[in-house]
N, C-alpha and C. Protein backbone atom coordinates (compact mmCIF):
# COMPACT_ATOMS: atom_id res chain seq x y z
N MET A 1 -20.15 -13.01 -65.07
CA MET A 1 -20.19 -12.73 -63.54
C MET A 1 -19.30 -11.39 -63.13
N THR A 2 -19.95 -10.65 -62.72
CA THR A 2 -19.19 -9.64 -62.22
C THR A 2 -19.07 -9.81 -60.51
N SER A 3 -17.81 -9.43 -60.34
CA SER A 3 -17.98 -9.50 -58.65
C SER A 3 -17.69 -7.85 -58.07
N ARG A 4 -18.67 -7.93 -57.46
CA ARG A 4 -18.91 -6.25 -56.69
C ARG A 4 -17.64 -6.51 -55.32
N ARG A 5 -17.10 -5.67 -55.01
CA ARG A 5 -16.29 -5.33 -53.94
C ARG A 5 -17.12 -4.49 -52.89
N SER A 6 -17.34 -5.07 -51.77
CA SER A 6 -18.22 -4.43 -50.83
C SER A 6 -17.29 -3.74 -49.80
N ARG A 7 -17.75 -2.61 -49.64
CA ARG A 7 -17.18 -1.87 -48.45
C ARG A 7 -17.47 -1.67 -47.33
N PRO A 8 -17.21 -1.57 -46.25
CA PRO A 8 -18.17 -1.69 -44.86
C PRO A 8 -18.83 -0.33 -44.75
N SER A 9 -19.97 -0.69 -44.45
CA SER A 9 -20.63 0.65 -44.31
C SER A 9 -20.18 1.57 -43.20
N LEU A 10 -20.63 2.92 -43.54
CA LEU A 10 -20.39 4.05 -42.54
C LEU A 10 -20.64 3.61 -41.05
N GLY A 11 -21.72 3.08 -41.00
CA GLY A 11 -22.23 2.78 -39.47
C GLY A 11 -21.20 1.70 -38.75
N ALA A 12 -20.37 0.61 -39.45
CA ALA A 12 -19.71 0.13 -38.69
C ALA A 12 -18.54 0.52 -38.30
N LEU A 13 -18.09 1.53 -39.49
CA LEU A 13 -16.53 2.35 -39.50
C LEU A 13 -16.81 2.95 -37.96
N VAL A 14 -17.67 3.88 -37.74
CA VAL A 14 -18.26 4.50 -36.48
C VAL A 14 -18.01 3.78 -35.29
N PHE A 15 -18.61 2.50 -35.55
CA PHE A 15 -18.92 1.89 -34.16
C PHE A 15 -17.47 1.37 -33.51
N PHE A 16 -16.85 1.00 -34.88
CA PHE A 16 -15.45 0.36 -34.40
C PHE A 16 -14.58 1.45 -34.21
N SER A 17 -14.68 2.62 -34.55
CA SER A 17 -13.49 3.69 -33.97
C SER A 17 -14.08 4.47 -32.69
N VAL A 18 -15.36 4.36 -32.34
CA VAL A 18 -15.91 4.80 -31.26
C VAL A 18 -15.21 3.91 -30.04
N THR A 19 -15.56 2.39 -30.65
CA THR A 19 -15.14 1.28 -29.44
C THR A 19 -13.68 1.62 -29.05
N LEU A 20 -12.94 1.48 -30.45
CA LEU A 20 -11.40 1.84 -30.11
C LEU A 20 -10.98 2.75 -29.07
N SER A 21 -11.66 3.96 -29.57
CA SER A 21 -11.45 5.16 -28.91
C SER A 21 -11.55 4.89 -27.41
N LEU A 22 -12.84 4.53 -27.07
CA LEU A 22 -13.28 4.14 -25.58
C LEU A 22 -12.18 2.81 -24.95
N SER A 23 -12.08 2.07 -25.57
CA SER A 23 -10.99 1.09 -25.14
C SER A 23 -9.67 1.54 -24.73
N ALA A 24 -9.16 2.81 -25.48
CA ALA A 24 -8.06 3.15 -25.50
C ALA A 24 -8.19 3.94 -24.32
N TYR A 25 -9.20 4.93 -24.15
CA TYR A 25 -9.43 5.76 -22.93
C TYR A 25 -9.43 5.16 -21.74
N PHE A 26 -10.03 4.05 -21.59
CA PHE A 26 -10.44 3.48 -20.69
C PHE A 26 -9.12 2.46 -19.91
N THR A 27 -8.34 1.82 -21.08
CA THR A 27 -6.73 1.26 -20.98
C THR A 27 -5.97 2.51 -20.12
N PHE A 28 -5.84 3.31 -20.83
CA PHE A 28 -5.05 4.82 -20.21
C PHE A 28 -5.18 5.11 -18.81
N ALA A 29 -6.55 5.18 -18.79
CA ALA A 29 -7.16 5.72 -17.37
C ALA A 29 -6.73 4.43 -16.23
N ALA A 30 -6.92 3.43 -16.66
CA ALA A 30 -6.64 2.26 -15.92
C ALA A 30 -5.04 2.09 -15.19
N VAL A 31 -4.54 2.65 -16.39
CA VAL A 31 -2.86 2.59 -15.80
C VAL A 31 -2.34 4.06 -15.42
N GLN A 32 -2.78 4.92 -15.68
CA GLN A 32 -2.50 6.15 -15.51
C GLN A 32 -3.25 7.21 -14.45
N GLY A 33 -4.45 6.80 -14.65
CA GLY A 33 -5.72 7.78 -13.82
C GLY A 33 -5.39 7.80 -12.24
N ASP A 34 -6.04 8.59 -11.64
CA ASP A 34 -5.97 8.79 -10.25
C ASP A 34 -6.05 7.49 -9.27
N SER A 35 -6.84 6.31 -9.83
CA SER A 35 -6.84 5.18 -8.99
C SER A 35 -6.15 4.26 -9.72
N GLY A 36 -5.22 4.26 -10.81
CA GLY A 36 -4.71 3.67 -11.95
C GLY A 36 -3.45 2.82 -11.17
N LEU A 37 -3.17 2.03 -11.80
CA LEU A 37 -1.95 1.14 -11.64
C LEU A 37 -0.50 1.63 -10.72
N PHE A 38 -0.34 3.08 -11.65
CA PHE A 38 1.29 3.66 -11.40
C PHE A 38 0.64 4.44 -9.84
N ARG A 39 -0.45 5.09 -9.80
CA ARG A 39 -0.82 5.83 -8.46
C ARG A 39 -1.00 4.42 -7.23
N ARG A 40 -1.31 3.34 -7.57
CA ARG A 40 -1.30 2.65 -6.60
C ARG A 40 -0.11 1.94 -6.14
N ALA A 41 0.95 1.90 -7.37
CA ALA A 41 2.49 1.81 -6.62
C ALA A 41 3.22 2.76 -5.88
N GLU A 42 2.66 3.95 -6.46
CA GLU A 42 3.32 5.23 -5.64
C GLU A 42 2.63 4.95 -4.18
N ILE A 43 1.41 4.90 -3.81
CA ILE A 43 0.69 4.87 -2.63
C ILE A 43 1.33 3.29 -1.83
N ALA A 44 1.38 2.51 -2.62
CA ALA A 44 2.17 1.64 -1.82
C ALA A 44 3.71 1.79 -1.08
N VAL A 45 4.33 2.54 -2.23
CA VAL A 45 5.96 2.87 -1.55
C VAL A 45 5.60 4.06 -0.64
N GLU A 46 4.66 4.94 -0.70
CA GLU A 46 4.43 5.79 0.18
C GLU A 46 3.78 5.38 1.67
N GLY A 47 3.26 4.30 1.63
CA GLY A 47 2.93 3.66 2.80
C GLY A 47 4.16 2.90 3.26
N ASP A 48 4.76 2.37 2.73
CA ASP A 48 6.04 1.56 3.18
C ASP A 48 6.90 2.66 3.86
N LYS A 49 7.25 3.76 3.43
CA LYS A 49 7.90 4.80 3.87
C LYS A 49 7.49 5.45 5.31
N LEU A 50 6.06 5.46 5.31
CA LEU A 50 5.49 6.16 6.51
C LEU A 50 5.72 5.05 7.35
N ALA A 51 5.50 3.84 6.79
CA ALA A 51 5.35 2.76 8.60
C ALA A 51 6.82 2.74 8.79
N ARG A 52 7.83 3.00 7.79
CA ARG A 52 9.55 3.26 8.50
C ARG A 52 9.50 4.30 9.44
N GLU A 53 8.79 5.39 9.01
CA GLU A 53 9.11 6.78 9.99
C GLU A 53 8.24 6.59 11.22
N LEU A 54 7.12 5.85 11.37
CA LEU A 54 6.21 5.36 12.30
C LEU A 54 7.25 4.63 13.41
N ASP A 55 7.93 3.41 12.84
CA ASP A 55 8.76 2.56 13.54
C ASP A 55 9.53 3.56 14.35
N GLU A 56 10.40 4.55 13.59
CA GLU A 56 11.51 5.34 13.88
C GLU A 56 10.99 6.22 15.14
N LEU A 57 9.52 6.90 14.97
CA LEU A 57 9.12 7.67 16.03
C LEU A 57 8.58 6.82 17.31
N HIS A 58 8.23 5.54 16.91
CA HIS A 58 8.04 4.76 18.03
C HIS A 58 9.44 4.34 18.93
N ALA A 59 10.27 4.29 18.22
CA ALA A 59 11.64 4.13 18.87
C ALA A 59 12.18 5.27 19.54
N GLU A 60 11.76 6.39 19.08
CA GLU A 60 12.26 7.74 19.80
C GLU A 60 11.34 7.81 21.09
N VAL A 61 10.11 7.37 20.81
CA VAL A 61 9.09 7.81 22.01
C VAL A 61 9.52 6.71 23.06
N ALA A 62 9.95 5.40 22.87
CA ALA A 62 10.57 4.64 23.67
C ALA A 62 11.92 5.13 24.44
N ARG A 63 12.93 5.70 23.58
CA ARG A 63 13.89 6.23 24.35
C ARG A 63 13.42 7.41 25.34
N MET A 64 12.84 8.50 24.88
CA MET A 64 12.17 9.39 25.56
C MET A 64 11.62 9.10 27.03
N GLU A 65 10.63 8.10 26.77
CA GLU A 65 10.16 7.46 27.96
C GLU A 65 11.17 6.62 28.78
N ASN A 66 12.29 6.08 28.45
CA ASN A 66 13.26 5.39 29.25
C ASN A 66 14.06 6.48 29.90
N LEU A 67 14.34 7.65 29.47
CA LEU A 67 14.99 8.81 29.95
C LEU A 67 14.11 9.58 31.13
N THR A 68 12.76 9.97 30.89
CA THR A 68 11.77 10.24 31.47
C THR A 68 11.74 9.43 32.93
N ARG A 69 11.57 8.15 32.87
CA ARG A 69 11.46 7.25 33.92
C ARG A 69 13.13 7.27 34.56
N ARG A 70 13.87 7.46 34.08
CA ARG A 70 15.31 7.28 34.79
C ARG A 70 15.56 8.62 35.82
N LEU A 71 14.68 9.56 35.04
CA LEU A 71 14.92 10.88 35.92
C LEU A 71 13.66 11.27 36.90
N SER A 72 12.66 9.95 37.00
CA SER A 72 11.43 10.32 37.84
C SER A 72 12.03 10.40 39.37
N ASP A 73 10.90 10.85 40.15
CA ASP A 73 11.29 10.60 42.02
C ASP A 73 11.29 9.35 42.19
N ASP A 74 10.51 8.24 41.58
CA ASP A 74 10.52 6.82 41.90
C ASP A 74 12.08 6.35 41.52
N PHE A 75 12.69 6.65 40.37
CA PHE A 75 13.82 6.13 40.11
C PHE A 75 14.76 6.99 39.44
N LEU A 76 15.85 7.13 40.30
CA LEU A 76 16.92 8.45 39.87
C LEU A 76 18.08 7.60 39.50
N ASP A 77 18.56 7.76 38.31
CA ASP A 77 19.85 7.46 37.82
C ASP A 77 20.74 8.41 37.80
N LEU A 78 21.73 8.49 38.79
CA LEU A 78 22.53 9.26 39.17
C LEU A 78 23.65 9.86 38.03
N ASP A 79 23.88 8.71 36.99
CA ASP A 79 24.71 9.00 36.08
C ASP A 79 24.26 9.91 35.13
N LEU A 80 23.04 9.60 34.92
CA LEU A 80 21.97 10.55 33.90
C LEU A 80 21.80 11.86 34.33
N LEU A 81 21.70 11.95 35.58
CA LEU A 81 21.21 13.23 36.39
C LEU A 81 22.69 14.05 36.18
N ASP A 82 23.99 13.16 36.54
CA ASP A 82 25.30 14.05 36.32
C ASP A 82 25.09 14.60 34.80
N GLN A 83 24.89 13.59 33.87
CA GLN A 83 25.22 14.07 32.36
C GLN A 83 24.25 15.09 32.13
N GLN A 84 23.05 15.17 32.49
CA GLN A 84 22.08 16.35 32.24
C GLN A 84 22.77 17.13 32.86
N ALA A 85 23.27 17.26 33.96
CA ALA A 85 23.51 18.77 34.86
C ALA A 85 24.95 19.44 34.15
N ARG A 86 25.58 18.51 33.50
CA ARG A 86 26.86 18.92 32.79
C ARG A 86 26.58 19.28 31.37
N ASP A 87 25.80 18.79 30.68
CA ASP A 87 25.41 19.36 29.32
C ASP A 87 24.41 20.68 29.67
N VAL A 88 23.64 20.73 30.55
CA VAL A 88 22.67 21.97 30.72
C VAL A 88 23.35 22.99 31.17
N LEU A 89 23.95 22.69 32.25
CA LEU A 89 24.50 23.73 33.23
C LEU A 89 26.01 23.82 32.86
N GLY A 90 26.56 23.39 32.24
CA GLY A 90 28.01 23.40 31.95
C GLY A 90 28.92 23.01 33.34
N LEU A 91 28.33 22.30 34.09
CA LEU A 91 29.11 21.99 35.41
C LEU A 91 30.37 21.12 35.05
N ILE A 92 31.42 21.25 35.91
CA ILE A 92 32.13 20.14 35.97
C ILE A 92 32.74 19.73 37.54
N ARG A 93 33.10 18.66 37.59
CA ARG A 93 33.75 18.42 39.08
C ARG A 93 35.04 18.89 39.19
N SER A 94 35.49 19.13 40.87
CA SER A 94 36.76 19.86 40.79
C SER A 94 37.97 18.96 40.69
N ASP A 95 37.71 17.60 40.15
CA ASP A 95 39.02 17.05 40.04
C ASP A 95 38.99 16.84 38.57
N GLU A 96 38.15 17.43 37.73
CA GLU A 96 38.55 17.18 36.52
C GLU A 96 39.14 18.45 35.60
N ILE A 97 39.99 18.03 34.38
CA ILE A 97 40.35 19.07 33.84
C ILE A 97 39.83 19.64 32.54
N VAL A 98 39.65 20.74 32.40
CA VAL A 98 38.82 20.79 30.92
C VAL A 98 39.90 21.53 29.67
N VAL A 99 39.69 20.86 28.59
CA VAL A 99 40.75 20.99 27.72
C VAL A 99 39.65 21.85 26.32
N HIS A 100 40.13 22.85 25.82
CA HIS A 100 39.39 23.40 24.78
C HIS A 100 40.11 23.02 23.34
């Protein structure tokens, strides 16, 4: 009895190499691509950063609205008006001493 070693056919080798190549490509694209896992993590971090920035802007707008309301005709805060006059016009009261 003679035993023959059979080698895989060329078609099977081509099929498996093409399958392996496509699997590697799609795996790489799923991790590194434009819609991949790494890009998704970057988008999540950027979203958190933008949410924090939006919260800061909301706080700044609320502060500005408060200052505007305090200087309106309906509600006049004399301390704020005095502070603004000092800052903008450089005014001082007659009983104050200026030290440079």
